[in-house]
Protein backbone atom coordinates (compact mmCIF):
# COMPACT_ATOMS: atom_id res chain seq x y z
CA UNK A 1 0.00 0.00 0.00
CA UNK A 2 -1.66 0.09 0.47
CA UNK A 3 -2.73 -1.42 2.78
CA UNK A 4 -5.00 -1.85 3.38
CA UNK A 5 -4.57 -1.83 5.89
CA UNK A 6 -6.75 -2.20 7.19
CA UNK A 7 -5.60 -4.10 9.29
CA UNK A 8 -8.23 -3.28 9.84
CA UNK A 9 -7.60 -5.34 13.53
CA UNK A 10 -10.22 -7.07 11.44
CA UNK A 11 -13.53 -8.50 12.68
CA UNK A 12 -14.13 -12.27 12.54
CA UNK A 13 -16.88 -13.77 10.45
CA UNK A 14 -17.70 -16.76 12.66
CA UNK A 15 -21.18 -15.82 13.88
CA UNK A 16 -23.13 -17.44 11.07
CA UNK A 17 -25.19 -16.27 8.17
CA UNK A 18 -28.44 -15.74 10.11
CA UNK A 19 -26.75 -13.42 12.65
CA UNK A 20 -25.12 -11.43 9.82
CA UNK A 21 -28.47 -11.04 8.07
CA UNK A 22 -30.20 -9.87 11.24
CA UNK A 23 -27.35 -7.46 12.06
CA UNK A 24 -27.36 -5.89 8.59
CA UNK A 25 -31.11 -5.38 8.69
CA UNK A 26 -30.90 -3.80 12.14
CA UNK A 27 -28.05 -1.43 11.16
CA UNK A 28 -29.65 -0.47 7.89
CA UNK A 29 -32.95 0.24 9.68
CA UNK A 30 -31.11 2.42 12.19
CA UNK A 31 -29.42 4.33 9.40
CA UNK A 32 -32.73 5.07 7.73
CA UNK A 33 -34.15 6.35 11.03
CA UNK A 34 -31.13 8.54 11.57
CA UNK A 35 -30.86 9.78 8.01
CA UNK A 36 -29.09 13.10 7.76
CA UNK A 37 -28.15 13.29 11.45
CA UNK A 38 -24.64 14.00 12.60
CA UNK A 39 -23.71 12.25 15.87
CA UNK A 40 -21.80 14.13 18.53
CA UNK A 41 -18.11 13.39 19.14
CA UNK A 42 -18.78 12.88 22.84
CA UNK A 43 -21.74 11.76 24.90
CA UNK A 44 -24.30 14.57 24.76
CA UNK A 45 -26.64 15.83 27.51
CA UNK A 46 -30.22 14.76 27.11
CA UNK A 47 -32.10 17.16 24.81
CA UNK A 48 -34.32 19.83 26.30
CA UNK A 49 -37.99 18.87 26.21
CA UNK A 50 -39.84 20.45 23.32
CA UNK A 51 -43.07 22.25 24.19
CA UNK A 52 -45.85 21.35 21.80
CA UNK A 53 -48.81 23.75 21.50
CA UNK A 54 -52.21 22.09 22.00
CA UNK A 55 -54.05 21.41 18.78
CA UNK A 56 -57.82 21.82 18.24
CA UNK A 57 -59.80 18.64 18.28
CA UNK A 58 -60.20 17.08 14.87
CA UNK A 59 -63.64 17.04 13.34
CA UNK A 60 -65.31 13.69 12.97
CA UNK A 61 -65.50 12.51 9.37
CA UNK A 62 -68.35 10.08 8.62
CA UNK A 63 -67.33 6.79 7.05
CA UNK A 64 -67.40 6.60 3.26
CA UNK A 65 -70.26 4.71 1.64
CA UNK A 66 -69.60 1.05 0.91
CA UNK A 67 -69.67 1.78 -2.80
CA UNK A 68 -66.88 4.37 -2.61
CA UNK A 69 -63.55 3.65 -4.33
CA UNK A 70 -60.70 2.67 -1.92
CA UNK A 71 -58.04 5.36 -1.44
CA UNK A 72 -54.95 5.12 -3.58
CA UNK A 73 -51.99 3.49 -1.80
CA UNK A 74 -49.10 5.77 -0.85
CA UNK A 75 -45.99 5.75 -3.01
CA UNK A 76 -43.08 3.82 -1.41
CA UNK A 77 -40.48 6.08 0.19
CA UNK A 78 -37.11 5.76 -1.55
CA UNK A 79 -34.25 4.80 0.73
CA UNK A 80 -31.71 7.58 1.22
CA UNK A 81 -28.29 6.91 2.78
CA UNK A 82 -27.50 8.67 6.04
CA UNK A 83 -25.26 11.73 5.61
CA UNK A 84 -22.51 11.73 8.25
CA UNK A 85 -19.72 14.21 9.07
CA UNK A 86 -16.05 13.79 9.88
CA UNK A 87 -14.24 15.06 12.99
CA UNK A 88 -10.54 15.90 12.45
CA UNK A 89 -8.26 14.67 15.25
CA UNK A 90 -4.79 16.26 15.17
CA UNK A 91 -1.98 13.70 15.25
CA UNK A 92 0.45 14.61 18.04
CA UNK A 93 3.94 15.52 16.85
CA UNK A 94 3.05 15.27 13.15
CA UNK A 95 3.64 18.14 10.72
CA UNK A 96 1.42 18.23 7.63
CA UNK A 97 1.77 16.59 5.24
CA UNK A 98 2.78 13.39 7.02
CA UNK A 99 3.28 9.95 5.51
CA UNK A 100 0.28 7.77 6.44
CA UNK A 101 -0.72 4.41 5.03
CA UNK A 102 -2.25 1.55 7.02
CA UNK A 103 -4.35 1.97 10.14
CA UNK A 104 -5.39 -0.94 12.35
CA UNK A 105 -7.78 -1.50 15.24
CA UNK A 106 -7.07 -3.20 18.58
CA UNK A 107 -10.37 -4.78 19.72
CA UNK A 108 -9.34 -5.73 23.26
CA UNK A 109 -8.63 -2.13 24.34
CA UNK A 110 -10.70 -0.37 21.66
CA UNK A 111 -7.71 1.56 20.26
CA UNK A 112 -6.85 2.72 16.75
CA UNK A 113 -3.17 2.51 15.81
CA UNK A 114 -1.82 5.16 13.42
CA UNK A 115 1.76 4.59 12.15
CA UNK A 116 2.67 8.21 11.49
CA UNK A 117 5.54 7.92 9.03
CA UNK A 118 7.88 10.89 9.16
CA UNK A 119 6.99 11.79 12.75
CA UNK A 120 8.93 8.74 13.93
CA UNK A 121 6.05 7.57 16.09
CA UNK A 122 2.94 5.42 16.16
CA UNK A 123 -0.02 7.36 17.54
CA UNK A 124 -2.45 5.17 19.49
CA UNK A 125 -5.96 6.61 19.80
CA UNK A 126 -8.01 5.46 22.80
CA UNK A 127 -11.61 5.57 21.56
CA UNK A 128 -13.07 5.72 25.10
CA UNK A 129 -10.75 8.45 26.41
CA UNK A 130 -10.78 10.27 23.05
CA UNK A 131 -7.03 10.87 23.30
CA UNK A 132 -3.70 9.79 21.81
CA UNK A 133 -0.62 8.17 23.28
CA UNK A 134 2.59 8.34 21.21
CA UNK A 135 4.85 5.31 20.83
CA UNK A 136 8.19 6.91 19.98
CA UNK A 137 11.66 5.69 19.09
CA UNK A 138 11.17 4.67 15.45
CA UNK A 139 13.70 5.82 12.87
CA UNK A 140 12.91 7.89 9.78
CA UNK A 141 14.60 8.44 6.42
CA UNK A 142 14.11 10.56 3.31
CA UNK A 143 13.09 8.66 0.19
CA UNK A 144 12.19 9.47 -3.43
CA UNK A 145 8.58 8.70 -4.27
CA UNK A 146 7.16 9.49 -7.72
CA UNK A 147 9.72 12.23 -8.25
CA UNK A 148 9.20 13.84 -4.85
CA UNK A 149 11.09 13.63 -1.59
CA UNK A 150 9.25 12.39 1.48
CA UNK A 151 10.21 11.27 4.96
CA UNK A 152 9.19 7.69 5.72
CA UNK A 153 9.09 5.66 8.92
CA UNK A 154 6.52 3.41 10.60
CA UNK A 155 3.72 2.71 8.10
CA UNK A 156 1.83 -0.49 8.92
CA UNK A 157 1.08 -2.96 11.68
CA UNK A 158 -1.02 -5.71 13.20
CA UNK A 159 -2.13 -6.85 16.65
CA UNK A 160 -0.54 -10.08 17.91
CA UNK A 161 -0.54 -11.98 21.18
CA UNK A 162 -0.02 -9.20 23.75
CA UNK A 163 2.03 -7.13 21.30
CA UNK A 164 1.69 -5.05 18.16
CA UNK A 165 3.93 -5.57 15.16
CA UNK A 166 4.97 -2.38 13.33
CA UNK A 167 6.58 -2.17 9.90
CA UNK A 168 9.17 0.62 9.45
CA UNK A 169 10.02 1.54 5.87
CA UNK A 170 12.98 3.69 6.92
CA UNK A 171 14.91 0.81 8.48
CA UNK A 172 13.28 -2.10 6.59
CA UNK A 173 12.33 -3.66 9.90
CA UNK A 174 9.39 -5.09 11.80
CA UNK A 175 9.37 -3.96 15.43
CA UNK A 176 7.50 -5.16 18.52
CA UNK A 177 5.45 -2.88 20.81
CA UNK A 178 4.11 -4.15 24.14
CA UNK A 179 0.34 -3.58 24.34
CA UNK A 180 0.41 -3.09 28.12
CA UNK A 181 3.24 -0.58 28.40
CA UNK A 182 3.23 0.79 24.81
CA UNK A 183 7.02 0.54 24.85
CA UNK A 184 9.06 -0.18 21.72
CA UNK A 185 10.89 -3.50 21.91
CA UNK A 186 13.10 -5.49 19.56
CA UNK A 187 13.16 -5.18 15.76
CA UNK A 188 14.02 -7.65 13.01
CA UNK A 189 15.64 -6.70 9.70
CA UNK A 190 13.94 -7.70 6.43
CA UNK A 191 15.38 -8.10 2.90
CA UNK A 192 13.47 -4.98 1.79
CA UNK A 193 10.99 -2.42 3.08
CA UNK A 194 7.75 -3.85 4.52
CA UNK A 195 4.36 -2.80 3.21
CA UNK A 196 1.41 -4.71 4.73
CA UNK A 197 1.65 -6.75 7.94
CA UNK A 198 -0.76 -9.38 9.27
CA UNK A 199 -0.54 -11.61 12.34
CA UNK A 200 -1.97 -15.11 11.76
CA UNK A 201 -3.08 -16.54 15.11
CA UNK A 202 -3.68 -20.07 13.78
CA UNK A 203 -0.02 -20.53 12.82
CA UNK A 204 1.54 -17.93 15.15
CA UNK A 205 3.21 -16.21 12.22
CA UNK A 206 3.57 -12.65 10.96
CA UNK A 207 3.14 -12.31 7.20
CA UNK A 208 4.81 -9.24 5.65
CA UNK A 209 4.38 -8.06 2.08
CA UNK A 210 7.64 -6.84 0.50
CA UNK A 211 6.69 -5.51 -2.97
CA UNK A 212 10.20 -4.47 -4.02
CA UNK A 213 11.32 -8.11 -3.93
CA UNK A 214 7.89 -9.45 -5.05
CA UNK A 215 7.57 -11.67 -2.03
CA UNK A 216 6.11 -12.41 1.37
CA UNK A 217 8.42 -12.69 4.36
CA UNK A 218 7.05 -15.08 7.00
CA UNK A 219 8.18 -14.45 10.59
CA UNK A 220 7.92 -16.94 13.46
CA UNK A 221 5.93 -15.33 16.32
CA UNK A 222 5.77 -18.35 18.64
CA UNK A 223 7.62 -16.10 21.09
CA UNK A 224 5.56 -12.93 20.54
CA UNK A 225 8.18 -10.41 21.65
CA UNK A 226 11.05 -12.02 19.74
CA UNK A 227 10.42 -12.55 16.04
CA UNK A 228 12.50 -14.90 13.91
CA UNK A 229 12.74 -15.34 10.17
CA UNK A 230 10.93 -18.44 8.97
CA UNK A 231 10.54 -18.44 5.20
CA UNK A 232 10.07 -16.37 2.06
CA UNK A 233 7.30 -16.86 -0.51
CA UNK A 234 8.28 -15.64 -3.97
CA UNK A 235 5.49 -14.22 -6.12
CA UNK A 236 5.03 -13.35 -9.80
CA UNK A 237 4.27 -9.70 -9.10
CA UNK A 238 3.98 -6.95 -6.49
CA UNK A 239 1.80 -7.98 -3.51
CA UNK A 240 -0.77 -5.35 -2.55
CA UNK A 241 -3.34 -5.78 0.20
CA UNK A 242 -3.99 -8.83 2.35
CA UNK A 243 -6.67 -10.78 4.17
CA UNK A 244 -6.84 -13.99 6.18
CA UNK A 245 -9.53 -16.66 5.92
CA UNK A 246 -8.70 -18.94 8.83
CA UNK A 247 -11.86 -21.00 8.27
CA UNK A 248 -10.48 -22.15 4.92
CA UNK A 249 -6.82 -21.95 5.94
CA UNK A 250 -6.03 -19.28 3.37
CA UNK A 251 -3.99 -16.10 3.11
CA UNK A 252 -5.11 -13.80 0.29
CA UNK A 253 -3.32 -11.01 -1.52
CA UNK A 254 -3.43 -9.12 -4.81
CA UNK A 255 -0.71 -8.71 -7.40
CA UNK A 256 -1.12 -5.03 -8.26
CA UNK A 257 0.93 -5.11 -11.45
CA UNK A 258 -0.59 -8.40 -12.69
CA UNK A 259 -4.21 -7.57 -11.86
CA UNK A 260 -4.77 -10.86 -10.07
CA UNK A 261 -5.85 -12.14 -6.66
CA UNK A 262 -4.05 -15.07 -5.04
CA UNK A 263 -4.95 -17.58 -2.34
CA UNK A 264 -2.07 -19.15 -0.39
CA UNK A 265 -2.26 -22.12 1.99
CA UNK A 266 -1.57 -20.91 5.55
CA UNK A 267 0.21 -24.10 6.62
CA UNK A 268 2.15 -25.17 3.55
CA UNK A 269 2.67 -21.64 2.13
CA UNK A 270 1.84 -23.06 -1.29
CA UNK A 271 -0.04 -21.05 -3.93
CA UNK A 272 -3.54 -22.49 -4.46
CA UNK A 273 -5.64 -20.23 -6.70
CA UNK A 274 -5.11 -17.29 -9.03
CA UNK A 275 -8.19 -15.25 -9.94
CA UNK A 276 -8.69 -12.27 -12.21
CA UNK A 277 -9.40 -9.37 -9.85
CA UNK A 278 -11.29 -7.54 -12.61
CA UNK A 279 -9.85 -4.11 -11.84
CA UNK A 280 -8.50 -1.51 -14.27
CA UNK A 281 -4.85 -1.20 -15.33
CA UNK A 282 -4.20 0.54 -11.98
CA UNK A 283 -4.62 -2.88 -10.39
CA UNK A 284 -6.36 -4.21 -7.28
CA UNK A 285 -5.61 -2.84 -3.81
CA UNK A 286 -7.08 -3.89 -0.44
CA UNK A 287 -8.95 -7.08 0.50
CA UNK A 288 -11.49 -8.29 3.05
CA UNK A 289 -13.11 -11.69 3.61
CA UNK A 290 -16.54 -12.80 4.79
CA UNK A 291 -15.69 -16.40 5.71
CA UNK A 292 -19.22 -17.42 6.70
CA UNK A 293 -20.67 -16.49 3.31
CA UNK A 294 -17.60 -17.22 1.19
CA UNK A 295 -17.33 -13.65 -0.09
CA UNK A 296 -14.10 -11.90 -1.02
CA UNK A 297 -14.24 -8.10 -1.23
CA UNK A 298 -11.59 -6.58 -3.51
CA UNK A 299 -10.83 -2.86 -3.67
CA UNK A 300 -10.13 -1.48 -7.12
CA UNK A 301 -9.13 2.20 -7.38
CA UNK A 302 -12.71 3.46 -7.79
CA UNK A 303 -14.97 0.59 -6.73
CA UNK A 304 -15.26 -2.59 -4.66
CA UNK A 305 -16.07 -5.99 -6.16
CA UNK A 306 -17.57 -9.00 -4.37
CA UNK A 307 -16.16 -12.32 -5.58
CA UNK A 308 -17.51 -15.83 -4.98
CA UNK A 309 -14.76 -17.85 -3.32
CA UNK A 310 -16.58 -21.16 -3.93
CA UNK A 311 -16.77 -20.60 -7.69
CA UNK A 312 -13.34 -19.49 -8.80
CA UNK A 313 -13.63 -15.87 -7.76
CA UNK A 314 -16.68 -15.21 -9.95
CA UNK A 315 -17.95 -11.64 -9.85
CA UNK A 316 -21.11 -11.20 -7.77
CA UNK A 317 -21.54 -7.47 -7.16
CA UNK A 318 -19.96 -4.06 -7.55
CA UNK A 319 -19.97 -0.92 -5.40
CA UNK A 320 -18.90 2.46 -6.81
CA UNK A 321 -16.87 4.44 -4.26
CA UNK A 322 -15.34 7.32 -6.21
CA UNK A 323 -11.69 7.59 -7.24
CA UNK A 324 -8.71 7.08 -4.96
CA UNK A 325 -9.73 3.90 -3.12
CA UNK A 326 -6.86 1.98 -1.52
CA UNK A 327 -7.53 -0.22 1.51
CA UNK A 328 -10.94 -1.06 2.97
CA UNK A 329 -12.43 -2.57 6.11
CA UNK A 330 -15.29 -4.99 6.68
CA UNK A 331 -17.24 -5.82 9.86
CA UNK A 332 -18.57 -9.35 9.43
CA UNK A 333 -20.86 -9.16 12.47
CA UNK A 334 -22.89 -6.35 10.90
CA UNK A 335 -22.16 -7.05 7.25
CA UNK A 336 -20.97 -3.47 6.74
CA UNK A 337 -18.18 -2.40 4.42
CA UNK A 338 -16.17 0.82 4.95
CA UNK A 339 -14.44 2.34 1.90
CA UNK A 340 -12.70 5.74 1.94
CA UNK A 341 -11.77 7.14 -1.49
CA UNK A 342 -9.01 9.77 -1.36
CA UNK A 343 -9.54 11.54 -4.70
CA UNK A 344 -13.30 11.63 -4.22
CA UNK A 345 -12.80 12.74 -0.58
CA UNK A 346 -15.62 10.60 0.70
CA UNK A 347 -16.39 7.60 2.88
CA UNK A 348 -18.97 5.08 1.70
CA UNK A 349 -20.56 2.64 4.15
CA UNK A 350 -22.48 -0.21 2.51
CA UNK A 351 -24.21 -3.40 3.59
CA UNK A 352 -23.17 -6.60 1.83
CA UNK A 353 -25.89 -9.13 1.00
CA UNK A 354 -25.70 -12.92 1.00
CA UNK A 355 -25.08 -12.97 -2.74
CA UNK A 356 -22.52 -10.16 -2.85
CA UNK A 357 -24.99 -7.36 -3.54
CA UNK A 358 -24.24 -3.90 -2.09
CA UNK A 359 -26.55 -1.27 -0.58
CA UNK A 360 -25.12 2.12 0.41
CA UNK A 361 -26.41 2.95 3.89
CA UNK A 362 -24.29 6.01 4.78
CA UNK A 363 -21.68 8.34 3.39
CA UNK A 364 -19.55 11.24 4.61
CA UNK A 365 -17.42 13.98 3.10
CA UNK A 366 -13.81 13.56 4.29
CA UNK A 367 -10.71 15.37 2.97
CA UNK A 368 -8.62 15.24 -0.21
CA UNK A 369 -6.36 12.20 -0.08
CA UNK A 370 -8.01 10.70 3.02
CA UNK A 371 -8.09 6.92 2.69
CA UNK A 372 -7.74 3.49 4.33
CA UNK A 373 -10.69 3.44 6.69
CA UNK A 374 -10.94 1.08 9.66
CA UNK A 375 -14.00 0.60 11.87
CA UNK A 376 -14.35 -0.05 15.60
CA UNK A 377 -16.83 -2.37 17.31
CA UNK A 378 -19.43 0.43 17.51
CA UNK A 379 -19.36 1.17 13.79
CA UNK A 380 -17.33 4.40 14.02
CA UNK A 381 -14.89 4.81 11.12
CA UNK A 382 -11.32 6.18 11.27
CA UNK A 383 -9.53 7.46 8.17
CA UNK A 384 -5.92 8.47 7.49
CA UNK A 385 -5.67 12.12 6.39
CA UNK A 386 -2.02 12.54 5.37
CA UNK A 387 -2.41 16.05 3.88
CA UNK A 388 -3.90 17.46 7.07
CA UNK A 389 -1.90 15.26 9.52
CA UNK A 390 -5.22 14.15 11.00
CA UNK A 391 -7.05 11.03 11.97
CA UNK A 392 -10.59 11.57 10.72
CA UNK A 393 -13.37 10.17 12.90
CA UNK A 394 -16.78 9.51 11.35
CA UNK A 395 -19.26 8.58 14.06
CA UNK A 396 -21.79 5.82 13.47
CA UNK A 397 -25.35 7.08 13.38
CA UNK A 398 -27.11 7.19 16.75
CA UNK A 399 -29.59 4.42 17.36
CA UNK A 400 -33.21 5.31 18.04
C-alpha cells in the first residue's frame, strides 16, 4: 500500500449467516431512522424537552359509503443513505503533510493505531478516552517517491498476542510494541521495506508483504516479543493488500501489477488459486473476507467488487466508491463495508448481502487524499488524512 490496511484489527466472520443477516437489517434500519443526522463526538446531555402547543380537536368525518372507491396506496419512500460528518483529530507531533498508510484496530482495548511515518512515532488513539498516546523511538529516512522527496518511517502494523507488530520503511524492519506498556521492543531486519503486515493466530506467524522483492516474508511469532525469520514466498508480481480466511486456511493477496488475486495455503505456504481481480490497469488494492458467506471483497481504485470464493472468484456485485480507493475494512458481524476514497474525498458505508450485492447505507465527506478506513466495534470509522496530519473520525449514526 496500500494497505490496506486495514488491518483493519479485522472483525471475525464466525457468527453465522443468520446473525449477519439480522445485524445488517438492524443497522440499515437504524441508518434510515437517523438519516441526515450528525452524531456528537462525545456523549451529549439529554435534549431539552420540546413544548408542543395544543391542537384543536379534529372534526369527525363520517365513514365513506360502501360503494366508494378505496383510497390510492401511498408511493413507497425511496431509501436515502445517512449523511454523516467527519471530525478531524490532530496527530500529536506530526507536521502536515505526514506519511500515512495503514491503520489498524485493537479490539481488546478499543484503540486505533496510526503509524505516522515521518513523525517517527505510532499514535495510538483510545476511543473511550478520546485521546492519543505516542509510541516513539522509530527511525525515519528521506526517500524518493514518484519524483518527490518524502520522509518515511513506521507505516503499517497488526495486533498479535499481547504485542503489536509495526513495519518501518525507513529501516526495513518489523518492530515489537508491548500492548500493556506501549514501549518499543526489539526489531528484526527484512530483505526490503515492509508494506502490509498481518498476524496469523492459527499458525503464530507474521506475514509481511515486500513488494520491491515481489515476495512475502514469514516471521515466526511463537515467542511474541522475539520474532525470527521463517521463510520467504516468492510471487510473480507486487503484492498489494492482504486478508486472512482462517476457516479455509487461506492467506489472500493481490498482485497489483498483474491484476490478479491469489490464495495461499496458511500451513504449507503453497499457492492455491489465481483469480482475475477484474480491476483496471491501476490494479487491485485492499482485500477483506466474509468467511461465513464465502465472499471476497476486492478494492479497485474506484470501486469494490464482491467475488464468490466457492466458484473461482466469480464476480457477484460491484460498489462504486469514487476515485482514490486503496484499503478497505469490513465488519462481518454487521455485514458493513467501509471504503474511503481519497480523490473523491468521501467515505462510503455499505451493507453486503448474502449474494454479494451492495446497498449504500451512509456516506460522509472527508478530505482530499483521506483513505484506508478502519472501523471499531461500535461502527465508528477512522480514516488516514495525510495532507492534514489528521485522523478523521466519522461517528456511526445514533440508534433510536
